[in-house]
Amino acid sequence: MQAAETHYLDNGYTFHIPPVSYRRRVCVPLLMAVAPGGKSRAKHMLVFNGSWVTEAKAEGAIFPGGSSMPDTACNSWNTYIEPNQAVSIQAVSEGSNGGYALPSITVLIGQD
């Protein structure tokens, strides 16, 4: 896919993609969550047309001896937008105990 449009969207912002007369491909190349400590948790979720479609989820771990292990998770996603179809896309993040997700996503749109 050669991207004709590139959009940079903050988490929580709903981006509406208007309809066109041809088929397009939409791609989110990176969702990323980081849990830097043993009790940390984080999720970076993607919502497409109001429905959850994928996520990157990280959960730190604490071992019986008291040592902790961080965790990271990455994911990507793509689909097609049929001709004359309008869609929406949004990234949502959650984190606790120091866990975090990237603050935004990149959305690539191109002709298939």
PDB file of N, CA and C in Angstrom:
ATOM      1  N   MET A   1       0.844  -1.184   0.000  1.00  0.00           N
ATOM      2  CA  MET A   1       0.000   0.000   0.000  1.00  0.00           C
ATOM      3  C   MET A   1       0.880   1.234   0.000  1.00  0.00           C
ATOM      4  N   GLN A   2       0.566   2.172  -0.865  1.00  0.00           N
ATOM      5  CA  GLN A   2       1.225   3.472  -0.853  1.00  0.00           C
ATOM      6  C   GLN A   2       0.259   4.450  -0.200  1.00  0.00           C
ATOM      7  N   ALA A   3       0.682   5.061   0.889  1.00  0.00           N
ATOM      8  CA  ALA A   3      -0.198   5.958   1.640  1.00  0.00           C
ATOM      9  C   ALA A   3      -0.435   7.254   0.875  1.00  0.00           C
ATOM     10  N   ALA A   4      -1.697   7.591   0.694  1.00  0.00           N
ATOM     11  CA  ALA A   4      -2.075   8.859   0.082  1.00  0.00           C
ATOM     12  C   ALA A   4      -2.337   9.916   1.155  1.00  0.00           C
ATOM     13  N   GLU A   5      -2.695   9.453   2.361  1.00  0.00           N
ATOM     14  CA  GLU A   5      -2.966  10.351   3.480  1.00  0.00           C
ATOM     15  C   GLU A   5      -2.295   9.798   4.734  1.00  0.00           C
ATOM     16  N   THR A   6      -1.765  10.683   5.544  1.00  0.00           N
ATOM     17  CA  THR A   6      -1.200  10.319   6.841  1.00  0.00           C
ATOM     18  C   THR A   6      -1.828  11.222   7.890  1.00  0.00           C
ATOM     19  N   HIS A   7      -2.367  10.638   8.940  1.00  0.00           N
ATOM     20  CA  HIS A   7      -3.006  11.405  10.008  1.00  0.00           C
ATOM     21  C   HIS A   7      -2.392  11.001  11.345  1.00  0.00           C
ATOM     22  N   TYR A   8      -2.166  11.986  12.196  1.00  0.00           N
ATOM     23  CA  TYR A   8      -1.606  11.785  13.526  1.00  0.00           C
ATOM     24  C   TYR A   8      -2.701  12.156  14.514  1.00  0.00           C
ATOM     25  N   LEU A   9      -3.194  11.163  15.278  1.00  0.00           N
ATOM     26  CA  LEU A   9      -4.361  11.376  16.132  1.00  0.00           C
ATOM     27  C   LEU A   9      -4.025  11.149  17.596  1.00  0.00           C
ATOM     28  N   ASP A  10      -4.384  12.098  18.441  1.00  0.00           N
ATOM     29  CA  ASP A  10      -4.229  11.917  19.876  1.00  0.00           C
ATOM     30  C   ASP A  10      -5.222  10.877  20.377  1.00  0.00           C
ATOM     31  N   ASN A  11      -4.832  10.147  21.427  1.00  0.00           N
ATOM     32  CA  ASN A  11      -5.750   9.197  22.048  1.00  0.00           C
ATOM     33  C   ASN A  11      -7.014   9.928  22.488  1.00  0.00           C
ATOM     34  N   GLY A  12      -8.152   9.293  22.311  1.00  0.00           N
ATOM     35  CA  GLY A  12      -9.425   9.874  22.711  1.00  0.00           C
ATOM     36  C   GLY A  12     -10.115  10.671  21.617  1.00  0.00           C
ATOM     37  N   TYR A  13      -9.379  11.071  20.584  1.00  0.00           N
ATOM     38  CA  TYR A  13      -9.967  11.840  19.488  1.00  0.00           C
ATOM     39  C   TYR A  13     -10.583  10.882  18.466  1.00  0.00           C
ATOM     40  N   THR A  14     -11.834  11.123  18.098  1.00  0.00           N
ATOM     41  CA  THR A  14     -12.495  10.299  17.078  1.00  0.00           C
ATOM     42  C   THR A  14     -12.323  10.980  15.724  1.00  0.00           C
ATOM     43  N   PHE A  15     -11.684  10.283  14.796  1.00  0.00           N
ATOM     44  CA  PHE A  15     -11.432  10.800  13.457  1.00  0.00           C
ATOM     45  C   PHE A  15     -12.449  10.185  12.503  1.00  0.00           C
ATOM     46  N   HIS A  16     -13.171  11.037  11.805  1.00  0.00           N
ATOM     47  CA  HIS A  16     -14.177  10.582  10.843  1.00  0.00           C
ATOM     48  C   HIS A  16     -13.569  10.637   9.443  1.00  0.00           C
ATOM     49  N   ILE A  17     -13.581   9.506   8.765  1.00  0.00           N
ATOM     50  CA  ILE A  17     -13.045   9.402   7.410  1.00  0.00           C
ATOM     51  C   ILE A  17     -14.225   9.449   6.449  1.00  0.00           C
ATOM     52  N   PRO A  18     -14.300  10.477   5.609  1.00  0.00           N
ATOM     53  CA  PRO A  18     -15.460  10.633   4.726  1.00  0.00           C
ATOM     54  C   PRO A  18     -15.466   9.613   3.581  1.00  0.00           C
ATOM     55  N   PRO A  19     -16.632   9.393   2.982  1.00  0.00           N
ATOM     56  CA  PRO A  19     -16.731   8.438   1.876  1.00  0.00           C
ATOM     57  C   PRO A  19     -16.108   8.983   0.589  1.00  0.00           C
ATOM     58  N   VAL A  20     -15.608   8.079  -0.222  1.00  0.00           N
ATOM     59  CA  VAL A  20     -15.137   8.390  -1.578  1.00  0.00           C
ATOM     60  C   VAL A  20     -15.646   7.283  -2.497  1.00  0.00           C
ATOM     61  N   SER A  21     -15.480   7.459  -3.791  1.00  0.00           N
ATOM     62  CA  SER A  21     -16.058   6.515  -4.751  1.00  0.00           C
ATOM     63  C   SER A  21     -15.190   5.281  -5.016  1.00  0.00           C
ATOM     64  N   TYR A  22     -14.060   5.149  -4.345  1.00  0.00           N
ATOM     65  CA  TYR A  22     -13.180   4.010  -4.586  1.00  0.00           C
ATOM     66  C   TYR A  22     -12.820   3.315  -3.262  1.00  0.00           C
ATOM     67  N   ARG A  23     -12.339   2.083  -3.370  1.00  0.00           N
ATOM     68  CA  ARG A  23     -11.950   1.289  -2.202  1.00  0.00           C
ATOM     69  C   ARG A  23     -10.606   1.788  -1.662  1.00  0.00           C
ATOM     70  N   ARG A  24     -10.492   1.843  -0.344  1.00  0.00           N
ATOM     71  CA  ARG A  24      -9.253   2.291   0.293  1.00  0.00           C
ATOM     72  C   ARG A  24      -8.815   1.287   1.353  1.00  0.00           C
ATOM     73  N   ARG A  25      -7.559   1.374   1.686  1.00  0.00           N
ATOM     74  CA  ARG A  25      -7.016   0.579   2.787  1.00  0.00           C
ATOM     75  C   ARG A  25      -6.605   1.538   3.888  1.00  0.00           C
ATOM     76  N   VAL A  26      -6.903   1.173   5.136  1.00  0.00           N
ATOM     77  CA  VAL A  26      -6.510   1.987   6.282  1.00  0.00           C
ATOM     78  C   VAL A  26      -5.618   1.128   7.171  1.00  0.00           C
ATOM     79  N   CYS A  27      -4.539   1.733   7.681  1.00  0.00           N
ATOM     80  CA  CYS A  27      -3.565   1.003   8.467  1.00  0.00           C
ATOM     81  C   CYS A  27      -3.143   1.836   9.678  1.00  0.00           C
ATOM     82  N   VAL A  28      -3.070   1.185  10.831  1.00  0.00           N
ATOM     83  CA  VAL A  28      -2.492   1.778  12.037  1.00  0.00           C
ATOM     84  C   VAL A  28      -1.245   0.940  12.318  1.00  0.00           C
ATOM     85  N   PRO A  29      -0.042   1.481  12.004  1.00  0.00           N
ATOM     86  CA  PRO A  29       1.162   0.649  12.092  1.00  0.00           C
ATOM     87  C   PRO A  29       1.654   0.349  13.504  1.00  0.00           C
ATOM     88  N   LEU A  30       1.234   1.134  14.524  1.00  0.00           N
ATOM     89  CA  LEU A  30       1.764   0.872  15.860  1.00  0.00           C
ATOM     90  C   LEU A  30       0.797   1.270  16.970  1.00  0.00           C
ATOM     91  N   LEU A  31       0.436   0.281  17.764  1.00  0.00           N
ATOM     92  CA  LEU A  31      -0.188   0.487  19.069  1.00  0.00           C
ATOM     93  C   LEU A  31       0.845  -0.035  20.058  1.00  0.00           C
ATOM     94  N   MET A  32       1.100   0.708  21.152  1.00  0.00           N
ATOM     95  CA  MET A  32       2.138   0.266  22.085  1.00  0.00           C
ATOM     96  C   MET A  32       1.766   0.571  23.519  1.00  0.00           C
ATOM     97  N   ALA A  33       1.951  -0.429  24.394  1.00  0.00           N
ATOM     98  CA  ALA A  33       1.701  -0.286  25.822  1.00  0.00           C
ATOM     99  C   ALA A  33       2.970  -0.674  26.580  1.00  0.00           C
ATOM    100  N   VAL A  34       3.239   0.052  27.686  1.00  0.00           N
ATOM    101  CA  VAL A  34       4.435  -0.193  28.481  1.00  0.00           C
ATOM    102  C   VAL A  34       4.040  -0.303  29.950  1.00  0.00           C
ATOM    103  N   ALA A  35       4.499  -1.371  30.604  1.00  0.00           N
ATOM    104  CA  ALA A  35       4.302  -1.567  32.042  1.00  0.00           C
ATOM    105  C   ALA A  35       5.703  -1.660  32.662  1.00  0.00           C
ATOM    106  N   PRO A  36       6.247  -0.539  33.179  1.00  0.00           N
ATOM    107  CA  PRO A  36       7.640  -0.528  33.616  1.00  0.00           C
ATOM    108  C   PRO A  36       7.922  -1.206  34.956  1.00  0.00           C
ATOM    109  N   GLY A  37       6.905  -1.496  35.752  1.00  0.00           N
ATOM    110  CA  GLY A  37       7.120  -2.104  37.063  1.00  0.00           C
ATOM    111  C   GLY A  37       6.263  -3.328  37.265  1.00  0.00           C
ATOM    112  N   GLY A  38       6.492  -4.000  38.381  1.00  0.00           N
ATOM    113  CA  GLY A  38       5.802  -5.250  38.668  1.00  0.00           C
ATOM    114  C   GLY A  38       4.300  -5.143  38.784  1.00  0.00           C
ATOM    115  N   LYS A  39       3.802  -4.016  39.278  1.00  0.00           N
ATOM    116  CA  LYS A  39       2.346  -3.858  39.430  1.00  0.00           C
ATOM    117  C   LYS A  39       1.735  -3.024  38.298  1.00  0.00           C
ATOM    118  N   SER A  40       2.548  -2.623  37.345  1.00  0.00           N
ATOM    119  CA  SER A  40       2.082  -1.756  36.252  1.00  0.00           C
ATOM    120  C   SER A  40       1.223  -2.521  35.258  1.00  0.00           C
ATOM    121  N   ARG A  41       0.256  -1.807  34.704  1.00  0.00           N
ATOM    122  CA  ARG A  41      -0.587  -2.349  33.650  1.00  0.00           C
ATOM    123  C   ARG A  41      -0.891  -1.226  32.657  1.00  0.00           C
ATOM    124  N   ALA A  42      -0.997  -1.595  31.384  1.00  0.00           N
ATOM    125  CA  ALA A  42      -1.310  -0.599  30.363  1.00  0.00           C
ATOM    126  C   ALA A  42      -1.986  -1.272  29.170  1.00  0.00           C
ATOM    127  N   LYS A  43      -2.854  -0.508  28.510  1.00  0.00           N
ATOM    128  CA  LYS A  43      -3.520  -0.968  27.277  1.00  0.00           C
ATOM    129  C   LYS A  43      -3.580   0.192  26.299  1.00  0.00           C
ATOM    130  N   HIS A  44      -3.397  -0.110  25.029  1.00  0.00           N
ATOM    131  CA  HIS A  44      -3.599   0.841  23.932  1.00  0.00           C
ATOM    132  C   HIS A  44      -4.582   0.160  22.995  1.00  0.00           C
ATOM    133  N   MET A  45      -5.808   0.668  22.951  1.00  0.00           N
ATOM    134  CA  MET A  45      -6.889  -0.002  22.220  1.00  0.00           C
ATOM    135  C   MET A  45      -7.300   0.806  20.999  1.00  0.00           C
ATOM    136  N   LEU A  46      -7.803   0.106  19.990  1.00  0.00           N
ATOM    137  CA  LEU A  46      -8.263   0.748  18.764  1.00  0.00           C
ATOM    138  C   LEU A  46      -9.747   0.475  18.570  1.00  0.00           C
ATOM    139  N   VAL A  47     -10.498   1.539  18.329  1.00  0.00           N
ATOM    140  CA  VAL A  47     -11.945   1.461  18.091  1.00  0.00           C
ATOM    141  C   VAL A  47     -12.200   1.894  16.648  1.00  0.00           C
ATOM    142  N   PHE A  48     -12.891   1.048  15.889  1.00  0.00           N
ATOM    143  CA  PHE A  48     -13.201   1.327  14.487  1.00  0.00           C
ATOM    144  C   PHE A  48     -14.705   1.245  14.310  1.00  0.00           C
ATOM    145  N   ASN A  49     -15.316   2.313  13.844  1.00  0.00           N
ATOM    146  CA  ASN A  49     -16.775   2.389  13.679  1.00  0.00           C
ATOM    147  C   ASN A  49     -17.514   2.037  14.973  1.00  0.00           C
ATOM    148  N   GLY A  50     -16.978   2.472  16.088  1.00  0.00           N
ATOM    149  CA  GLY A  50     -17.631   2.269  17.376  1.00  0.00           C
ATOM    150  C   GLY A  50     -17.396   0.923  18.024  1.00  0.00           C
ATOM    151  N   SER A  51     -16.629   0.040  17.375  1.00  0.00           N
ATOM    152  CA  SER A  51     -16.365  -1.291  17.920  1.00  0.00           C
ATOM    153  C   SER A  51     -14.874  -1.485  18.163  1.00  0.00           C
ATOM    154  N   TRP A  52     -14.556  -2.109  19.300  1.00  0.00           N
ATOM    155  CA  TRP A  52     -13.160  -2.434  19.603  1.00  0.00           C
ATOM    156  C   TRP A  52     -12.673  -3.448  18.578  1.00  0.00           C
ATOM    157  N   VAL A  53     -11.470  -3.222  18.023  1.00  0.00           N
ATOM    158  CA  VAL A  53     -10.948  -4.161  17.027  1.00  0.00           C
ATOM    159  C   VAL A  53      -9.630  -4.815  17.433  1.00  0.00           C
ATOM    160  N   THR A  54      -8.776  -4.129  18.180  1.00  0.00           N
ATOM    161  CA  THR A  54      -7.517  -4.725  18.616  1.00  0.00           C
ATOM    162  C   THR A  54      -6.920  -3.899  19.745  1.00  0.00           C
ATOM    163  N   GLU A  55      -5.863  -4.447  20.379  1.00  0.00           N
ATOM    164  CA  GLU A  55      -5.195  -3.732  21.454  1.00  0.00           C
ATOM    165  C   GLU A  55      -3.771  -4.244  21.627  1.00  0.00           C
ATOM    166  N   ALA A  56      -2.967  -3.434  22.281  1.00  0.00           N
ATOM    167  CA  ALA A  56      -1.668  -3.852  22.807  1.00  0.00           C
ATOM    168  C   ALA A  56      -1.819  -3.780  24.318  1.00  0.00           C
ATOM    169  N   LYS A  57      -1.509  -4.876  25.020  1.00  0.00           N
ATOM    170  CA  LYS A  57      -1.738  -4.943  26.463  1.00  0.00           C
ATOM    171  C   LYS A  57      -0.459  -5.409  27.149  1.00  0.00           C
ATOM    172  N   ALA A  58       0.005  -4.648  28.155  1.00  0.00           N
ATOM    173  CA  ALA A  58       1.216  -4.990  28.897  1.00  0.00           C
ATOM    174  C   ALA A  58       0.896  -5.080  30.382  1.00  0.00           C
ATOM    175  N   GLU A  59       1.450  -6.112  31.034  1.00  0.00           N
ATOM    176  CA  GLU A  59       1.260  -6.300  32.465  1.00  0.00           C
ATOM    177  C   GLU A  59       2.586  -6.710  33.090  1.00  0.00           C
ATOM    178  N   GLY A  60       3.073  -5.907  34.034  1.00  0.00           N
ATOM    179  CA  GLY A  60       4.287  -6.264  34.756  1.00  0.00           C
ATOM    180  C   GLY A  60       4.032  -7.459  35.663  1.00  0.00           C
ATOM    181  N   ALA A  61       5.107  -8.044  36.165  1.00  0.00           N
ATOM    182  CA  ALA A  61       4.974  -9.223  37.032  1.00  0.00           C
ATOM    183  C   ALA A  61       5.878  -9.074  38.253  1.00  0.00           C
ATOM    184  N   ILE A  62       5.436  -9.628  39.373  1.00  0.00           N
ATOM    185  CA  ILE A  62       6.240  -9.691  40.594  1.00  0.00           C
ATOM    186  C   ILE A  62       6.462 -11.163  40.922  1.00  0.00           C
ATOM    187  N   PHE A  63       7.722 -11.548  41.109  1.00  0.00           N
ATOM    188  CA  PHE A  63       8.071 -12.931  41.421  1.00  0.00           C
ATOM    189  C   PHE A  63       8.041 -13.163  42.927  1.00  0.00           C
ATOM    190  N   PRO A  64       7.921 -14.412  43.355  1.00  0.00           N
ATOM    191  CA  PRO A  64       7.853 -14.726  44.785  1.00  0.00           C
ATOM    192  C   PRO A  64       9.013 -14.143  45.603  1.00  0.00           C
ATOM    193  N   GLY A  65      10.187 -14.009  45.040  1.00  0.00           N
ATOM    194  CA  GLY A  65      11.328 -13.440  45.758  1.00  0.00           C
ATOM    195  C   GLY A  65      11.282 -11.930  45.884  1.00  0.00           C
ATOM    196  N   GLY A  66      10.281 -11.311  45.271  1.00  0.00           N
ATOM    197  CA  GLY A  66      10.131  -9.863  45.348  1.00  0.00           C
ATOM    198  C   GLY A  66      10.657  -9.098  44.159  1.00  0.00           C
ATOM    199  N   SER A  67      11.387  -9.753  43.262  1.00  0.00           N
ATOM    200  CA  SER A  67      11.864  -9.038  42.085  1.00  0.00           C
ATOM    201  C   SER A  67      10.712  -8.834  41.103  1.00  0.00           C
ATOM    202  N   SER A  68      10.820  -7.799  40.317  1.00  0.00           N
ATOM    203  CA  SER A  68       9.740  -7.499  39.360  1.00  0.00           C
ATOM    204  C   SER A  68      10.264  -7.525  37.936  1.00  0.00           C
ATOM    205  N   MET A  69       9.346  -7.695  37.019  1.00  0.00           N
ATOM    206  CA  MET A  69       9.695  -7.736  35.605  1.00  0.00           C
ATOM    207  C   MET A  69       8.772  -6.808  34.825  1.00  0.00           C
ATOM    208  N   PRO A  70       9.336  -5.896  34.039  1.00  0.00           N
ATOM    209  CA  PRO A  70       8.507  -5.022  33.207  1.00  0.00           C
ATOM    210  C   PRO A  70       7.971  -5.782  31.993  1.00  0.00           C
ATOM    211  N   ASP A  71       7.066  -5.133  31.280  1.00  0.00           N
ATOM    212  CA  ASP A  71       6.482  -5.741  30.088  1.00  0.00           C
ATOM    213  C   ASP A  71       6.177  -4.648  29.082  1.00  0.00           C
ATOM    214  N   THR A  72       6.282  -4.973  27.812  1.00  0.00           N
ATOM    215  CA  THR A  72       5.844  -4.083  26.736  1.00  0.00           C
ATOM    216  C   THR A  72       5.063  -4.914  25.732  1.00  0.00           C
ATOM    217  N   ALA A  73       4.185  -4.250  24.995  1.00  0.00           N
ATOM    218  CA  ALA A  73       3.407  -4.933  23.964  1.00  0.00           C
ATOM    219  C   ALA A  73       3.197  -3.992  22.785  1.00  0.00           C
ATOM    220  N   CYS A  74       3.279  -4.540  21.592  1.00  0.00           N
ATOM    221  CA  CYS A  74       3.045  -3.781  20.365  1.00  0.00           C
ATOM    222  C   CYS A  74       2.043  -4.537  19.494  1.00  0.00           C
ATOM    223  N   ASN A  75       1.330  -3.785  18.682  1.00  0.00           N
ATOM    224  CA  ASN A  75       0.379  -4.397  17.763  1.00  0.00           C
ATOM    225  C   ASN A  75       0.185  -3.442  16.592  1.00  0.00           C
ATOM    226  N   SER A  76      -0.340  -3.949  15.504  1.00  0.00           N
ATOM    227  CA  SER A  76      -0.713  -3.122  14.353  1.00  0.00           C
ATOM    228  C   SER A  76      -2.046  -3.646  13.829  1.00  0.00           C
ATOM    229  N   TRP A  77      -2.655  -2.884  12.918  1.00  0.00           N
ATOM    230  CA  TRP A  77      -3.980  -3.268  12.431  1.00  0.00           C
ATOM    231  C   TRP A  77      -4.216  -2.625  11.076  1.00  0.00           C
ATOM    232  N   ASN A  78      -4.954  -3.328  10.210  1.00  0.00           N
ATOM    233  CA  ASN A  78      -5.364  -2.732   8.934  1.00  0.00           C
ATOM    234  C   ASN A  78      -6.661  -3.366   8.463  1.00  0.00           C
ATOM    235  N   THR A  79      -7.354  -2.642   7.602  1.00  0.00           N
ATOM    236  CA  THR A  79      -8.601  -3.133   7.020  1.00  0.00           C
ATOM    237  C   THR A  79      -8.863  -2.359   5.731  1.00  0.00           C
ATOM    238  N   TYR A  80      -9.993  -2.637   5.134  1.00  0.00           N
ATOM    239  CA  TYR A  80     -10.403  -1.940   3.911  1.00  0.00           C
ATOM    240  C   TYR A  80     -11.651  -1.115   4.176  1.00  0.00           C
ATOM    241  N   ILE A  81     -11.749  -0.006   3.470  1.00  0.00           N
ATOM    242  CA  ILE A  81     -12.948   0.824   3.486  1.00  0.00           C
ATOM    243  C   ILE A  81     -13.559   0.699   2.090  1.00  0.00           C
ATOM    244  N   GLU A  82     -14.757   0.184   2.030  1.00  0.00           N
ATOM    245  CA  GLU A  82     -15.414  -0.021   0.746  1.00  0.00           C
ATOM    246  C   GLU A  82     -15.843   1.323   0.142  1.00  0.00           C
ATOM    247  N   PRO A  83     -16.070   1.372  -1.192  1.00  0.00           N
ATOM    248  CA  PRO A  83     -16.492   2.621  -1.832  1.00  0.00           C
ATOM    249  C   PRO A  83     -17.755   3.188  -1.184  1.00  0.00           C
ATOM    250  N   ASN A  84     -17.807   4.489  -1.075  1.00  0.00           N
ATOM    251  CA  ASN A  84     -18.954   5.241  -0.550  1.00  0.00           C
ATOM    252  C   ASN A  84     -19.270   4.920   0.917  1.00  0.00           C
ATOM    253  N   GLN A  85     -18.285   4.440   1.655  1.00  0.00           N
ATOM    254  CA  GLN A  85     -18.462   4.128   3.078  1.00  0.00           C
ATOM    255  C   GLN A  85     -17.707   5.148   3.929  1.00  0.00           C
ATOM    256  N   ALA A  86     -18.402   5.724   4.901  1.00  0.00           N
ATOM    257  CA  ALA A  86     -17.777   6.622   5.879  1.00  0.00           C
ATOM    258  C   ALA A  86     -17.483   5.801   7.137  1.00  0.00           C
ATOM    259  N   VAL A  87     -16.326   6.024   7.750  1.00  0.00           N
ATOM    260  CA  VAL A  87     -15.941   5.279   8.952  1.00  0.00           C
ATOM    261  C   VAL A  87     -15.354   6.232   9.992  1.00  0.00           C
ATOM    262  N   SER A  88     -15.217   5.723  11.210  1.00  0.00           N
ATOM    263  CA  SER A  88     -14.552   6.486  12.269  1.00  0.00           C
ATOM    264  C   SER A  88     -13.497   5.595  12.919  1.00  0.00           C
ATOM    265  N   ILE A  89     -12.454   6.235  13.458  1.00  0.00           N
ATOM    266  CA  ILE A  89     -11.376   5.506  14.112  1.00  0.00           C
ATOM    267  C   ILE A  89     -10.916   6.306  15.325  1.00  0.00           C
ATOM    268  N   GLN A  90     -10.593   5.588  16.404  1.00  0.00           N
ATOM    269  CA  GLN A  90     -10.191   6.233  17.646  1.00  0.00           C
ATOM    270  C   GLN A  90      -9.255   5.305  18.418  1.00  0.00           C
ATOM    271  N   ALA A  91      -8.240   5.886  19.063  1.00  0.00           N
ATOM    272  CA  ALA A  91      -7.370   5.132  19.969  1.00  0.00           C
ATOM    273  C   ALA A  91      -7.717   5.523  21.401  1.00  0.00           C
ATOM    274  N   VAL A  92      -7.700   4.535  22.291  1.00  0.00           N
ATOM    275  CA  VAL A  92      -8.008   4.755  23.703  1.00  0.00           C
ATOM    276  C   VAL A  92      -6.884   4.114  24.508  1.00  0.00           C
ATOM    277  N   SER A  93      -6.429   4.811  25.555  1.00  0.00           N
ATOM    278  CA  SER A  93      -5.367   4.241  26.384  1.00  0.00           C
ATOM    279  C   SER A  93      -5.818   4.142  27.834  1.00  0.00           C
ATOM    280  N   GLU A  94      -5.264   3.144  28.523  1.00  0.00           N
ATOM    281  CA  GLU A  94      -5.495   2.956  29.951  1.00  0.00           C
ATOM    282  C   GLU A  94      -4.162   2.601  30.585  1.00  0.00           C
ATOM    283  N   GLY A  95      -3.947   3.051  31.809  1.00  0.00           N
ATOM    284  CA  GLY A  95      -2.724   2.695  32.519  1.00  0.00           C
ATOM    285  C   GLY A  95      -2.919   2.807  34.013  1.00  0.00           C
ATOM    286  N   SER A  96      -2.193   1.970  34.763  1.00  0.00           N
ATOM    287  CA  SER A  96      -2.239   2.041  36.218  1.00  0.00           C
ATOM    288  C   SER A  96      -0.864   1.707  36.786  1.00  0.00           C
ATOM    289  N   ASN A  97      -0.582   2.250  37.953  1.00  0.00           N
ATOM    290  CA  ASN A  97       0.684   2.006  38.653  1.00  0.00           C
ATOM    291  C   ASN A  97       1.908   2.277  37.779  1.00  0.00           C
ATOM    292  N   GLY A  98       1.854   3.352  37.027  1.00  0.00           N
ATOM    293  CA  GLY A  98       2.984   3.742  36.184  1.00  0.00           C
ATOM    294  C   GLY A  98       2.937   3.205  34.768  1.00  0.00           C
ATOM    295  N   GLY A  99       1.973   2.370  34.438  1.00  0.00           N
ATOM    296  CA  GLY A  99       1.841   1.859  33.078  1.00  0.00           C
ATOM    297  C   GLY A  99       1.297   2.928  32.150  1.00  0.00           C
ATOM    298  N   TYR A 100       1.712   2.894  30.889  1.00  0.00           N
ATOM    299  CA  TYR A 100       1.265   3.915  29.942  1.00  0.00           C
ATOM    300  C   TYR A 100       1.274   3.374  28.516  1.00  0.00           C
ATOM    301  N   ALA A 101       0.571   4.089  27.648  1.00  0.00           N
ATOM    302  CA  ALA A 101       0.549   3.780  26.215  1.00  0.00           C
ATOM    303  C   ALA A 101       1.079   4.993  25.468  1.00  0.00           C
ATOM    304  N   LEU A 102       1.428   4.787  24.213  1.00  0.00           N
ATOM    305  CA  LEU A 102       1.809   5.933  23.393  1.00  0.00           C
ATOM    306  C   LEU A 102       0.668   6.949  23.413  1.00  0.00           C
ATOM    307  N   PRO A 103       0.954   8.247  23.347  1.00  0.00           N
ATOM    308  CA  PRO A 103      -0.094   9.252  23.449  1.00  0.00           C
ATOM    309  C   PRO A 103      -0.921   9.457  22.184  1.00  0.00           C
ATOM    310  N   SER A 104      -0.552   8.776  21.120  1.00  0.00           N
ATOM    311  CA  SER A 104      -1.237   9.000  19.845  1.00  0.00           C
ATOM    312  C   SER A 104      -1.040   7.804  18.922  1.00  0.00           C
ATOM    313  N   ILE A 105      -1.711   7.861  17.773  1.00  0.00           N
ATOM    314  CA  ILE A 105      -1.532   6.841  16.728  1.00  0.00           C
ATOM    315  C   ILE A 105      -1.316   7.551  15.396  1.00  0.00           C
ATOM    316  N   THR A 106      -0.732   6.831  14.481  1.00  0.00           N
ATOM    317  CA  THR A 106      -0.619   7.277  13.098  1.00  0.00           C
ATOM    318  C   THR A 106      -1.575   6.433  12.271  1.00  0.00           C
ATOM    319  N   VAL A 107      -2.364   7.088  11.445  1.00  0.00           N
ATOM    320  CA  VAL A 107      -3.317   6.398  10.562  1.00  0.00           C
ATOM    321  C   VAL A 107      -2.894   6.663   9.124  1.00  0.00           C
ATOM    322  N   LEU A 108      -2.680   5.607   8.372  1.00  0.00           N
ATOM    323  CA  LEU A 108      -2.316   5.709   6.962  1.00  0.00           C
ATOM    324  C   LEU A 108      -3.500   5.266   6.131  1.00  0.00           C
ATOM    325  N   ILE A 109      -3.823   6.040   5.104  1.00  0.00           N
ATOM    326  CA  ILE A 109      -4.930   5.712   4.205  1.00  0.00           C
ATOM    327  C   ILE A 109      -4.403   5.735   2.784  1.00  0.00           C
ATOM    328  N   GLY A 110      -4.698   4.691   2.026  1.00  0.00           N
ATOM    329  CA  GLY A 110      -4.237   4.636   0.647  1.00  0.00           C
ATOM    330  C   GLY A 110      -5.162   3.813  -0.218  1.00  0.00           C
ATOM    331  N   GLN A 111      -4.949   3.910  -1.513  1.00  0.00           N
ATOM    332  CA  GLN A 111      -5.724   3.085  -2.432  1.00  0.00           C
ATOM    333  C   GLN A 111      -5.117   1.697  -2.439  1.00  0.00           C
ATOM    334  N   ASP A 112      -5.966   0.716  -2.580  1.00  0.00           N
ATOM    335  CA  ASP A 112      -5.495  -0.672  -2.567  1.00  0.00           C
ATOM    336  C   ASP A 112      -4.929  -1.051  -3.913  1.00  0.00           C
TER     337      ASP A 112
END
